[in-house]
Full PDB file with SEQRES, HELIX, SHEET, SSBOND, CRYST1, ORIGX, SCALE, CONECT and MASTER records, all heavy atoms in Angstrom:
SEQRES   1 A   34  VAL ILE LEU PHE LEU ILE PRO GLY ILE ALA THR TRP LEU          
SEQRES   2 A   34  PRO THR TYR LEU LYS THR ALA LYS THR GLU GLN ILE HIS          
SEQRES   3 A   34  ASN ASN THR GLN GLU VAL ASP PHE                              
HELIX    1 AA1 ILE A    2  LEU A    5  1                                   4    
HELIX    2 AA2 GLY A    8  ASP A   33  1                                  26    
CRYST1    1.000    1.000    1.000  90.00  90.00  90.00 P 1           1          
ORIGX1      1.000000  0.000000  0.000000        0.00000                         
ORIGX2      0.000000  1.000000  0.000000        0.00000                         
ORIGX3      0.000000  0.000000  1.000000        0.00000                         
SCALE1      1.000000  0.000000  0.000000        0.00000                         
SCALE2      0.000000  1.000000  0.000000        0.00000                         
SCALE3      0.000000  0.000000  1.000000        0.00000                         
ATOM      1  N   VAL A   1      -8.130 -57.441 -34.877  1.00  0.00           N  
ATOM      2  CA  VAL A   1      -9.565 -57.726 -34.745  1.00  0.00           C  
ATOM      3  C   VAL A   1     -10.369 -56.797 -35.657  1.00  0.00           C  
ATOM      4  O   VAL A   1     -11.329 -57.232 -36.325  1.00  0.00           O  
ATOM      5  CB  VAL A   1     -10.012 -57.560 -33.278  1.00  0.00           C  
ATOM      6  CG1 VAL A   1     -11.523 -57.710 -33.156  1.00  0.00           C  
ATOM      7  CG2 VAL A   1      -9.302 -58.581 -32.393  1.00  0.00           C  
ATOM      8  N   ILE A   2      -9.984 -55.540 -35.718  1.00  0.00           N  
ATOM      9  CA  ILE A   2     -10.674 -54.583 -36.593  1.00  0.00           C  
ATOM     10  C   ILE A   2     -10.537 -55.006 -38.050  1.00  0.00           C  
ATOM     11  O   ILE A   2     -11.490 -54.893 -38.838  1.00  0.00           O  
ATOM     12  CB  ILE A   2     -10.118 -53.162 -36.372  1.00  0.00           C  
ATOM     13  CG1 ILE A   2     -10.497 -52.658 -34.974  1.00  0.00           C  
ATOM     14  CG2 ILE A   2     -10.644 -52.197 -37.427  1.00  0.00           C  
ATOM     15  CD1 ILE A   2      -9.874 -51.321 -34.606  1.00  0.00           C  
ATOM     16  N   LEU A   3      -9.364 -55.512 -38.438  1.00  0.00           N  
ATOM     17  CA  LEU A   3      -9.182 -55.988 -39.815  1.00  0.00           C  
ATOM     18  C   LEU A   3     -10.090 -57.167 -40.119  1.00  0.00           C  
ATOM     19  O   LEU A   3     -10.571 -57.315 -41.248  1.00  0.00           O  
ATOM     20  CB  LEU A   3      -7.720 -56.379 -40.053  1.00  0.00           C  
ATOM     21  CG  LEU A   3      -6.716 -55.258 -40.320  1.00  0.00           C  
ATOM     22  CD1 LEU A   3      -5.393 -55.845 -40.786  1.00  0.00           C  
ATOM     23  CD2 LEU A   3      -7.235 -54.285 -41.354  1.00  0.00           C  
ATOM     24  N   PHE A   4     -10.308 -58.040 -39.138  1.00  0.00           N  
ATOM     25  CA  PHE A   4     -11.244 -59.149 -39.326  1.00  0.00           C  
ATOM     26  C   PHE A   4     -12.668 -58.631 -39.529  1.00  0.00           C  
ATOM     27  O   PHE A   4     -13.405 -59.127 -40.383  1.00  0.00           O  
ATOM     28  CB  PHE A   4     -11.197 -60.092 -38.114  1.00  0.00           C  
ATOM     29  CG  PHE A   4     -10.305 -61.278 -38.304  1.00  0.00           C  
ATOM     30  CD1 PHE A   4      -8.989 -61.253 -37.868  1.00  0.00           C  
ATOM     31  CD2 PHE A   4     -10.772 -62.429 -38.912  1.00  0.00           C  
ATOM     32  CE1 PHE A   4      -8.154 -62.342 -38.039  1.00  0.00           C  
ATOM     33  CE2 PHE A   4      -9.953 -63.533 -39.092  1.00  0.00           C  
ATOM     34  CZ  PHE A   4      -8.640 -63.493 -38.650  1.00  0.00           C  
ATOM     35  N   LEU A   5     -13.051 -57.625 -38.721  1.00  0.00           N  
ATOM     36  CA  LEU A   5     -14.415 -57.104 -38.792  1.00  0.00           C  
ATOM     37  C   LEU A   5     -14.625 -56.197 -40.004  1.00  0.00           C  
ATOM     38  O   LEU A   5     -15.711 -56.184 -40.596  1.00  0.00           O  
ATOM     39  CB  LEU A   5     -14.729 -56.334 -37.502  1.00  0.00           C  
ATOM     40  CG  LEU A   5     -14.692 -57.154 -36.202  1.00  0.00           C  
ATOM     41  CD1 LEU A   5     -14.920 -56.246 -34.990  1.00  0.00           C  
ATOM     42  CD2 LEU A   5     -15.726 -58.270 -36.234  1.00  0.00           C  
ATOM     43  N   ILE A   6     -13.586 -55.429 -40.356  1.00  0.00           N  
ATOM     44  CA  ILE A   6     -13.683 -54.491 -41.485  1.00  0.00           C  
ATOM     45  C   ILE A   6     -12.496 -54.741 -42.420  1.00  0.00           C  
ATOM     46  O   ILE A   6     -11.512 -53.990 -42.425  1.00  0.00           O  
ATOM     47  CB  ILE A   6     -13.684 -53.026 -41.006  1.00  0.00           C  
ATOM     48  CG1 ILE A   6     -14.650 -52.834 -39.831  1.00  0.00           C  
ATOM     49  CG2 ILE A   6     -14.073 -52.085 -42.153  1.00  0.00           C  
ATOM     50  CD1 ILE A   6     -14.611 -51.447 -39.232  1.00  0.00           C  
ATOM     51  N   PRO A   7     -12.533 -55.804 -43.217  1.00  0.00           N  
ATOM     52  CA  PRO A   7     -11.388 -56.120 -44.097  1.00  0.00           C  
ATOM     53  C   PRO A   7     -11.107 -55.043 -45.132  1.00  0.00           C  
ATOM     54  O   PRO A   7      -9.988 -54.956 -45.659  1.00  0.00           O  
ATOM     55  CB  PRO A   7     -11.819 -57.435 -44.761  1.00  0.00           C  
ATOM     56  CG  PRO A   7     -13.303 -57.496 -44.605  1.00  0.00           C  
ATOM     57  CD  PRO A   7     -13.618 -56.791 -43.332  1.00  0.00           C  
ATOM     58  N   GLY A   8     -12.089 -54.192 -45.407  1.00  0.00           N  
ATOM     59  CA  GLY A   8     -11.876 -53.136 -46.392  1.00  0.00           C  
ATOM     60  C   GLY A   8     -10.797 -52.144 -46.012  1.00  0.00           C  
ATOM     61  O   GLY A   8     -10.269 -51.439 -46.875  1.00  0.00           O  
ATOM     62  N   ILE A   9     -10.464 -52.077 -44.716  1.00  0.00           N  
ATOM     63  CA  ILE A   9      -9.372 -51.187 -44.287  1.00  0.00           C  
ATOM     64  C   ILE A   9      -8.080 -51.568 -45.006  1.00  0.00           C  
ATOM     65  O   ILE A   9      -7.269 -50.699 -45.349  1.00  0.00           O  
ATOM     66  CB  ILE A   9      -9.198 -51.266 -42.759  1.00  0.00           C  
ATOM     67  CG1 ILE A   9     -10.421 -50.678 -42.064  1.00  0.00           C  
ATOM     68  CG2 ILE A   9      -7.931 -50.534 -42.311  1.00  0.00           C  
ATOM     69  CD1 ILE A   9     -10.375 -50.797 -40.557  1.00  0.00           C  
ATOM     70  N   ALA A  10      -7.887 -52.862 -45.232  1.00  0.00           N  
ATOM     71  CA  ALA A  10      -6.678 -53.325 -45.922  1.00  0.00           C  
ATOM     72  C   ALA A  10      -6.881 -53.479 -47.421  1.00  0.00           C  
ATOM     73  O   ALA A  10      -5.929 -53.319 -48.188  1.00  0.00           O  
ATOM     74  CB  ALA A  10      -6.223 -54.661 -45.329  1.00  0.00           C  
ATOM     75  N   THR A  11      -8.083 -53.782 -47.863  1.00  0.00           N  
ATOM     76  CA  THR A  11      -8.302 -54.104 -49.278  1.00  0.00           C  
ATOM     77  C   THR A  11      -8.771 -52.926 -50.117  1.00  0.00           C  
ATOM     78  O   THR A  11      -8.706 -52.986 -51.347  1.00  0.00           O  
ATOM     79  CB  THR A  11      -9.334 -55.236 -49.408  1.00  0.00           C  
ATOM     80  OG1 THR A  11     -10.580 -54.830 -48.788  1.00  0.00           O  
ATOM     81  CG2 THR A  11      -8.832 -56.504 -48.718  1.00  0.00           C  
ATOM     82  N   TRP A  12      -9.225 -51.831 -49.450  1.00  0.00           N  
ATOM     83  CA  TRP A  12      -9.780 -50.726 -50.231  1.00  0.00           C  
ATOM     84  C   TRP A  12      -8.737 -50.067 -51.128  1.00  0.00           C  
ATOM     85  O   TRP A  12      -8.961 -49.873 -52.326  1.00  0.00           O  
ATOM     86  CB  TRP A  12     -10.374 -49.664 -49.298  1.00  0.00           C  
ATOM     87  CG  TRP A  12     -10.824 -48.449 -50.064  1.00  0.00           C  
ATOM     88  CD1 TRP A  12     -11.987 -48.297 -50.764  1.00  0.00           C  
ATOM     89  CD2 TRP A  12     -10.077 -47.222 -50.249  1.00  0.00           C  
ATOM     90  NE1 TRP A  12     -12.020 -47.057 -51.357  1.00  0.00           N  
ATOM     91  CE2 TRP A  12     -10.874 -46.382 -51.068  1.00  0.00           C  
ATOM     92  CE3 TRP A  12      -8.836 -46.777 -49.794  1.00  0.00           C  
ATOM     93  CZ2 TRP A  12     -10.452 -45.109 -51.429  1.00  0.00           C  
ATOM     94  CZ3 TRP A  12      -8.417 -45.512 -50.173  1.00  0.00           C  
ATOM     95  CH2 TRP A  12      -9.215 -44.692 -50.978  1.00  0.00           C  
ATOM     96  N   LEU A  13      -7.579 -49.699 -50.577  1.00  0.00           N  
ATOM     97  CA  LEU A  13      -6.575 -48.975 -51.348  1.00  0.00           C  
ATOM     98  C   LEU A  13      -6.024 -49.805 -52.506  1.00  0.00           C  
ATOM     99  O   LEU A  13      -5.915 -49.278 -53.631  1.00  0.00           O  
ATOM    100  CB  LEU A  13      -5.440 -48.497 -50.433  1.00  0.00           C  
ATOM    101  CG  LEU A  13      -4.379 -47.602 -51.093  1.00  0.00           C  
ATOM    102  CD1 LEU A  13      -5.035 -46.391 -51.729  1.00  0.00           C  
ATOM    103  CD2 LEU A  13      -3.334 -47.165 -50.072  1.00  0.00           C  
ATOM    104  N   PRO A  14      -5.656 -51.094 -52.329  1.00  0.00           N  
ATOM    105  CA  PRO A  14      -5.208 -51.881 -53.487  1.00  0.00           C  
ATOM    106  C   PRO A  14      -6.277 -51.962 -54.577  1.00  0.00           C  
ATOM    107  O   PRO A  14      -5.963 -51.862 -55.769  1.00  0.00           O  
ATOM    108  CB  PRO A  14      -4.924 -53.264 -52.892  1.00  0.00           C  
ATOM    109  CG  PRO A  14      -4.709 -53.034 -51.455  1.00  0.00           C  
ATOM    110  CD  PRO A  14      -5.563 -51.870 -51.080  1.00  0.00           C  
ATOM    111  N   THR A  15      -7.558 -52.127 -54.170  1.00  0.00           N  
ATOM    112  CA  THR A  15      -8.642 -52.202 -55.155  1.00  0.00           C  
ATOM    113  C   THR A  15      -8.802 -50.882 -55.890  1.00  0.00           C  
ATOM    114  O   THR A  15      -8.981 -50.853 -57.121  1.00  0.00           O  
ATOM    115  CB  THR A  15      -9.967 -52.572 -54.458  1.00  0.00           C  
ATOM    116  OG1 THR A  15      -9.805 -53.800 -53.745  1.00  0.00           O  
ATOM    117  CG2 THR A  15     -11.088 -52.726 -55.471  1.00  0.00           C  
ATOM    118  N   TYR A  16      -8.715 -49.785 -55.142  1.00  0.00           N  
ATOM    119  CA  TYR A  16      -8.844 -48.464 -55.757  1.00  0.00           C  
ATOM    120  C   TYR A  16      -7.725 -48.211 -56.769  1.00  0.00           C  
ATOM    121  O   TYR A  16      -7.976 -47.702 -57.875  1.00  0.00           O  
ATOM    122  CB  TYR A  16      -8.826 -47.393 -54.672  1.00  0.00           C  
ATOM    123  CG  TYR A  16      -8.793 -45.983 -55.212  1.00  0.00           C  
ATOM    124  CD1 TYR A  16      -9.945 -45.369 -55.693  1.00  0.00           C  
ATOM    125  CD2 TYR A  16      -7.591 -45.263 -55.252  1.00  0.00           C  
ATOM    126  CE1 TYR A  16      -9.910 -44.076 -56.204  1.00  0.00           C  
ATOM    127  CE2 TYR A  16      -7.556 -43.970 -55.761  1.00  0.00           C  
ATOM    128  CZ  TYR A  16      -8.708 -43.388 -56.231  1.00  0.00           C  
ATOM    129  OH  TYR A  16      -8.657 -42.126 -56.735  1.00  0.00           O  
ATOM    130  N   LEU A  17      -6.499 -48.550 -56.392  1.00  0.00           N  
ATOM    131  CA  LEU A  17      -5.367 -48.330 -57.298  1.00  0.00           C  
ATOM    132  C   LEU A  17      -5.490 -49.188 -58.550  1.00  0.00           C  
ATOM    133  O   LEU A  17      -5.178 -48.736 -59.660  1.00  0.00           O  
ATOM    134  CB  LEU A  17      -4.057 -48.635 -56.569  1.00  0.00           C  
ATOM    135  CG  LEU A  17      -3.674 -47.675 -55.439  1.00  0.00           C  
ATOM    136  CD1 LEU A  17      -2.419 -48.156 -54.728  1.00  0.00           C  
ATOM    137  CD2 LEU A  17      -3.469 -46.259 -55.968  1.00  0.00           C  
ATOM    138  N   LYS A  18      -5.965 -50.433 -58.389  1.00  0.00           N  
ATOM    139  CA  LYS A  18      -6.161 -51.298 -59.556  1.00  0.00           C  
ATOM    140  C   LYS A  18      -7.231 -50.724 -60.475  1.00  0.00           C  
ATOM    141  O   LYS A  18      -7.075 -50.717 -61.700  1.00  0.00           O  
ATOM    142  CB  LYS A  18      -6.561 -52.701 -59.098  1.00  0.00           C  
ATOM    143  CG  LYS A  18      -5.421 -53.553 -58.601  1.00  0.00           C  
ATOM    144  CD  LYS A  18      -5.917 -54.956 -58.279  1.00  0.00           C  
ATOM    145  CE  LYS A  18      -4.773 -55.854 -57.821  1.00  0.00           C  
ATOM    146  NZ  LYS A  18      -5.245 -57.219 -57.492  1.00  0.00           N  
ATOM    147  N   THR A  19      -8.328 -50.253 -59.882  1.00  0.00           N  
ATOM    148  CA  THR A  19      -9.415 -49.685 -60.679  1.00  0.00           C  
ATOM    149  C   THR A  19      -8.946 -48.440 -61.423  1.00  0.00           C  
ATOM    150  O   THR A  19      -9.243 -48.260 -62.612  1.00  0.00           O  
ATOM    151  CB  THR A  19     -10.608 -49.322 -59.772  1.00  0.00           C  
ATOM    152  OG1 THR A  19     -11.030 -50.486 -59.056  1.00  0.00           O  
ATOM    153  CG2 THR A  19     -11.760 -48.797 -60.595  1.00  0.00           C  
ATOM    154  N   ALA A  20      -8.203 -47.587 -60.725  1.00  0.00           N  
ATOM    155  CA  ALA A  20      -7.697 -46.371 -61.357  1.00  0.00           C  
ATOM    156  C   ALA A  20      -6.742 -46.702 -62.500  1.00  0.00           C  
ATOM    157  O   ALA A  20      -6.781 -46.062 -63.563  1.00  0.00           O  
ATOM    158  CB  ALA A  20      -6.995 -45.499 -60.316  1.00  0.00           C  
ATOM    159  N   LYS A  21      -5.914 -47.717 -62.288  1.00  0.00           N  
ATOM    160  CA  LYS A  21      -4.968 -48.106 -63.337  1.00  0.00           C  
ATOM    161  C   LYS A  21      -5.705 -48.689 -64.535  1.00  0.00           C  
ATOM    162  O   LYS A  21      -5.348 -48.414 -65.689  1.00  0.00           O  
ATOM    163  CB  LYS A  21      -3.971 -49.127 -62.778  1.00  0.00           C  
ATOM    164  CG  LYS A  21      -2.824 -49.445 -63.729  1.00  0.00           C  
ATOM    165  CD  LYS A  21      -1.813 -50.354 -63.061  1.00  0.00           C  
ATOM    166  CE  LYS A  21      -0.631 -50.630 -63.993  1.00  0.00           C  
ATOM    167  NZ  LYS A  21       0.379 -51.507 -63.346  1.00  0.00           N  
ATOM    168  N   THR A  22      -6.742 -49.497 -64.267  1.00  0.00           N  
ATOM    169  CA  THR A  22      -7.524 -50.082 -65.357  1.00  0.00           C  
ATOM    170  C   THR A  22      -8.222 -48.999 -66.166  1.00  0.00           C  
ATOM    171  O   THR A  22      -8.253 -49.045 -67.403  1.00  0.00           O  
ATOM    172  CB  THR A  22      -8.570 -51.067 -64.792  1.00  0.00           C  
ATOM    173  OG1 THR A  22      -7.891 -52.078 -64.047  1.00  0.00           O  
ATOM    174  CG2 THR A  22      -9.360 -51.711 -65.907  1.00  0.00           C  
ATOM    175  N   GLU A  23      -8.799 -48.004 -65.459  1.00  0.00           N  
ATOM    176  CA  GLU A  23      -9.464 -46.902 -66.158  1.00  0.00           C  
ATOM    177  C   GLU A  23      -8.474 -46.100 -66.995  1.00  0.00           C  
ATOM    178  O   GLU A  23      -8.793 -45.669 -68.105  1.00  0.00           O  
ATOM    179  CB  GLU A  23     -10.155 -45.992 -65.147  1.00  0.00           C  
ATOM    180  CG  GLU A  23     -11.358 -46.639 -64.473  1.00  0.00           C  
ATOM    181  CD  GLU A  23     -12.007 -45.728 -63.455  1.00  0.00           C  
ATOM    182  OE1 GLU A  23     -11.436 -44.636 -63.211  1.00  0.00           O  
ATOM    183  OE2 GLU A  23     -13.056 -46.091 -62.903  1.00  0.00           O  
ATOM    184  N   GLN A  24      -7.274 -45.907 -66.468  1.00  0.00           N  
ATOM    185  CA  GLN A  24      -6.250 -45.170 -67.216  1.00  0.00           C  
ATOM    186  C   GLN A  24      -5.859 -45.917 -68.483  1.00  0.00           C  
ATOM    187  O   GLN A  24      -5.731 -45.317 -69.550  1.00  0.00           O  
ATOM    188  CB  GLN A  24      -5.024 -44.945 -66.338  1.00  0.00           C  
ATOM    189  CG  GLN A  24      -3.937 -44.116 -67.016  1.00  0.00           C  
ATOM    190  CD  GLN A  24      -2.724 -43.915 -66.126  1.00  0.00           C  
ATOM    191  OE1 GLN A  24      -2.649 -44.464 -65.041  1.00  0.00           O  
ATOM    192  NE2 GLN A  24      -1.776 -43.119 -66.590  1.00  0.00           N  
ATOM    193  N   ILE A  25      -5.686 -47.226 -68.362  1.00  0.00           N  
ATOM    194  CA  ILE A  25      -5.347 -48.037 -69.537  1.00  0.00           C  
ATOM    195  C   ILE A  25      -6.478 -47.982 -70.558  1.00  0.00           C  
ATOM    196  O   ILE A  25      -6.253 -47.866 -71.771  1.00  0.00           O  
ATOM    197  CB  ILE A  25      -5.061 -49.494 -69.116  1.00  0.00           C  
ATOM    198  CG1 ILE A  25      -3.787 -49.549 -68.267  1.00  0.00           C  
ATOM    199  CG2 ILE A  25      -4.925 -50.390 -70.332  1.00  0.00           C  
ATOM    200  CD1 ILE A  25      -3.520 -50.930 -67.693  1.00  0.00           C  
ATOM    201  N   HIS A  26      -7.744 -48.040 -70.062  1.00  0.00           N  
ATOM    202  CA  HIS A  26      -8.899 -47.977 -70.957  1.00  0.00           C  
ATOM    203  C   HIS A  26      -8.950 -46.644 -71.689  1.00  0.00           C  
ATOM    204  O   HIS A  26      -9.202 -46.590 -72.906  1.00  0.00           O  
ATOM    205  CB  HIS A  26     -10.176 -48.202 -70.146  1.00  0.00           C  
ATOM    206  CG  HIS A  26     -11.423 -48.116 -70.963  1.00  0.00           C  
ATOM    207  ND1 HIS A  26     -11.770 -49.058 -71.909  1.00  0.00           N  
ATOM    208  CD2 HIS A  26     -12.425 -47.170 -70.972  1.00  0.00           C  
ATOM    209  CE1 HIS A  26     -12.915 -48.718 -72.473  1.00  0.00           C  
ATOM    210  NE2 HIS A  26     -13.334 -47.585 -71.913  1.00  0.00           N  
ATOM    211  N   ASN A  27      -8.706 -45.550 -70.944  1.00  0.00           N  
ATOM    212  CA  ASN A  27      -8.722 -44.228 -71.569  1.00  0.00           C  
ATOM    213  C   ASN A  27      -7.607 -44.081 -72.587  1.00  0.00           C  
ATOM    214  O   ASN A  27      -7.814 -43.499 -73.663  1.00  0.00           O  
ATOM    215  CB  ASN A  27      -8.604 -43.147 -70.496  1.00  0.00           C  
ATOM    216  CG  ASN A  27      -9.819 -43.085 -69.586  1.00  0.00           C  
ATOM    217  OD1 ASN A  27     -10.911 -43.479 -69.992  1.00  0.00           O  
ATOM    218  ND2 ASN A  27      -9.636 -42.605 -68.362  1.00  0.00           N  
ATOM    219  N   ASN A  28      -6.432 -44.605 -72.258  1.00  0.00           N  
ATOM    220  CA  ASN A  28      -5.311 -44.540 -73.209  1.00  0.00           C  
ATOM    221  C   ASN A  28      -5.623 -45.333 -74.473  1.00  0.00           C  
ATOM    222  O   ASN A  28      -5.278 -44.914 -75.584  1.00  0.00           O  
ATOM    223  CB  ASN A  28      -4.044 -45.071 -72.552  1.00  0.00           C  
ATOM    224  CG  ASN A  28      -3.523 -44.160 -71.456  1.00  0.00           C  
ATOM    225  OD1 ASN A  28      -3.866 -42.978 -71.412  1.00  0.00           O  
ATOM    226  ND2 ASN A  28      -2.703 -44.692 -70.564  1.00  0.00           N  
ATOM    227  N   THR A  29      -6.280 -46.476 -74.302  1.00  0.00           N  
ATOM    228  CA  THR A  29      -6.641 -47.299 -75.461  1.00  0.00           C  
ATOM    229  C   THR A  29      -7.630 -46.567 -76.355  1.00  0.00           C  
ATOM    230  O   THR A  29      -7.523 -46.592 -77.587  1.00  0.00           O  
ATOM    231  CB  THR A  29      -7.246 -48.630 -74.981  1.00  0.00           C  
ATOM    232  OG1 THR A  29      -6.318 -49.294 -74.133  1.00  0.00           O  
ATOM    233  CG2 THR A  29      -7.570 -49.522 -76.168  1.00  0.00           C  
ATOM    234  N   GLN A  30      -8.606 -45.889 -75.720  1.00  0.00           N  
ATOM    235  CA  GLN A  30      -9.579 -45.136 -76.498  1.00  0.00           C  
ATOM    236  C   GLN A  30      -8.908 -44.000 -77.264  1.00  0.00           C  
ATOM    237  O   GLN A  30      -9.257 -43.731 -78.427  1.00  0.00           O  
ATOM    238  CB  GLN A  30     -10.662 -44.576 -75.570  1.00  0.00           C  
ATOM    239  CG  GLN A  30     -11.638 -45.627 -75.050  1.00  0.00           C  
ATOM    240  CD  GLN A  30     -12.734 -45.005 -74.223  1.00  0.00           C  
ATOM    241  OE1 GLN A  30     -12.521 -44.009 -73.536  1.00  0.00           O  
ATOM    242  NE2 GLN A  30     -13.923 -45.595 -74.268  1.00  0.00           N  
ATOM    243  N   GLU A  31      -7.927 -43.336 -76.608  1.00  0.00           N  
ATOM    244  CA  GLU A  31      -7.217 -42.246 -77.281  1.00  0.00           C  
ATOM    245  C   GLU A  31      -6.426 -42.767 -78.472  1.00  0.00           C  
ATOM    246  O   GLU A  31      -6.419 -42.150 -79.538  1.00  0.00           O  
ATOM    247  CB  GLU A  31      -6.284 -41.549 -76.293  1.00  0.00           C  
ATOM    248  CG  GLU A  31      -7.011 -40.760 -75.214  1.00  0.00           C  
ATOM    249  CD  GLU A  31      -6.052 -40.129 -74.233  1.00  0.00           C  
ATOM    250  OE1 GLU A  31      -4.825 -40.266 -74.448  1.00  0.00           O  
ATOM    251  OE2 GLU A  31      -6.508 -39.501 -73.251  1.00  0.00           O  
ATOM    252  N   VAL A  32      -5.780 -43.926 -78.301  1.00  0.00           N  
ATOM    253  CA  VAL A  32      -5.006 -44.506 -79.399  1.00  0.00           C  
ATOM    254  C   VAL A  32      -5.938 -44.884 -80.557  1.00  0.00           C  
ATOM    255  O   VAL A  32      -5.627 -44.631 -81.734  1.00  0.00           O  
ATOM    256  CB  VAL A  32      -4.219 -45.741 -78.893  1.00  0.00           C  
ATOM    257  CG1 VAL A  32      -3.607 -46.497 -80.069  1.00  0.00           C  
ATOM    258  CG2 VAL A  32      -3.136 -45.315 -77.920  1.00  0.00           C  
ATOM    259  N   ASP A  33      -7.095 -45.468 -80.227  1.00  0.00           N  
ATOM    260  CA  ASP A  33      -8.054 -45.854 -81.275  1.00  0.00           C  
ATOM    261  C   ASP A  33      -8.566 -44.625 -82.021  1.00  0.00           C  
ATOM    262  O   ASP A  33      -8.713 -44.646 -83.257  1.00  0.00           O  
ATOM    263  CB  ASP A  33      -9.238 -46.604 -80.651  1.00  0.00           C  
ATOM    264  CG  ASP A  33      -8.837 -47.972 -80.134  1.00  0.00           C  
ATOM    265  OD1 ASP A  33      -7.788 -48.484 -80.570  1.00  0.00           O  
ATOM    266  OD2 ASP A  33      -9.571 -48.523 -79.299  1.00  0.00           O  
ATOM    267  N   PHE A  34      -8.818 -43.540 -81.286  1.00  0.00           N  
ATOM    268  CA  PHE A  34      -9.300 -42.313 -81.922  1.00  0.00           C  
ATOM    269  C   PHE A  34      -8.247 -41.739 -82.868  1.00  0.00           C  
ATOM    270  O   PHE A  34      -8.556 -41.316 -83.991  1.00  0.00           O  
ATOM    271  CB  PHE A  34      -9.670 -41.294 -80.845  1.00  0.00           C  
ATOM    272  CG  PHE A  34     -10.011 -39.931 -81.399  1.00  0.00           C  
ATOM    273  CD1 PHE A  34     -11.231 -39.698 -82.007  1.00  0.00           C  
ATOM    274  CD2 PHE A  34      -9.083 -38.892 -81.323  1.00  0.00           C  
ATOM    275  CE1 PHE A  34     -11.547 -38.444 -82.524  1.00  0.00           C  
ATOM    276  CE2 PHE A  34      -9.393 -37.643 -81.838  1.00  0.00           C  
ATOM    277  CZ  PHE A  34     -10.622 -37.417 -82.435  1.00  0.00           C  
TER     278      PHE A  34                                                      
MASTER        0    0    0    2    0    0    0    6  277    1    0    3          
END                                                                             
């Protein structure tokens, strides 16, 4: 029931890890371009 009311309990960590991975790839790309 809590997951229904607050779905972010399950979705926050996957979203955070994806965002962190995307930022890391972006930073690596910028370093390669430099």
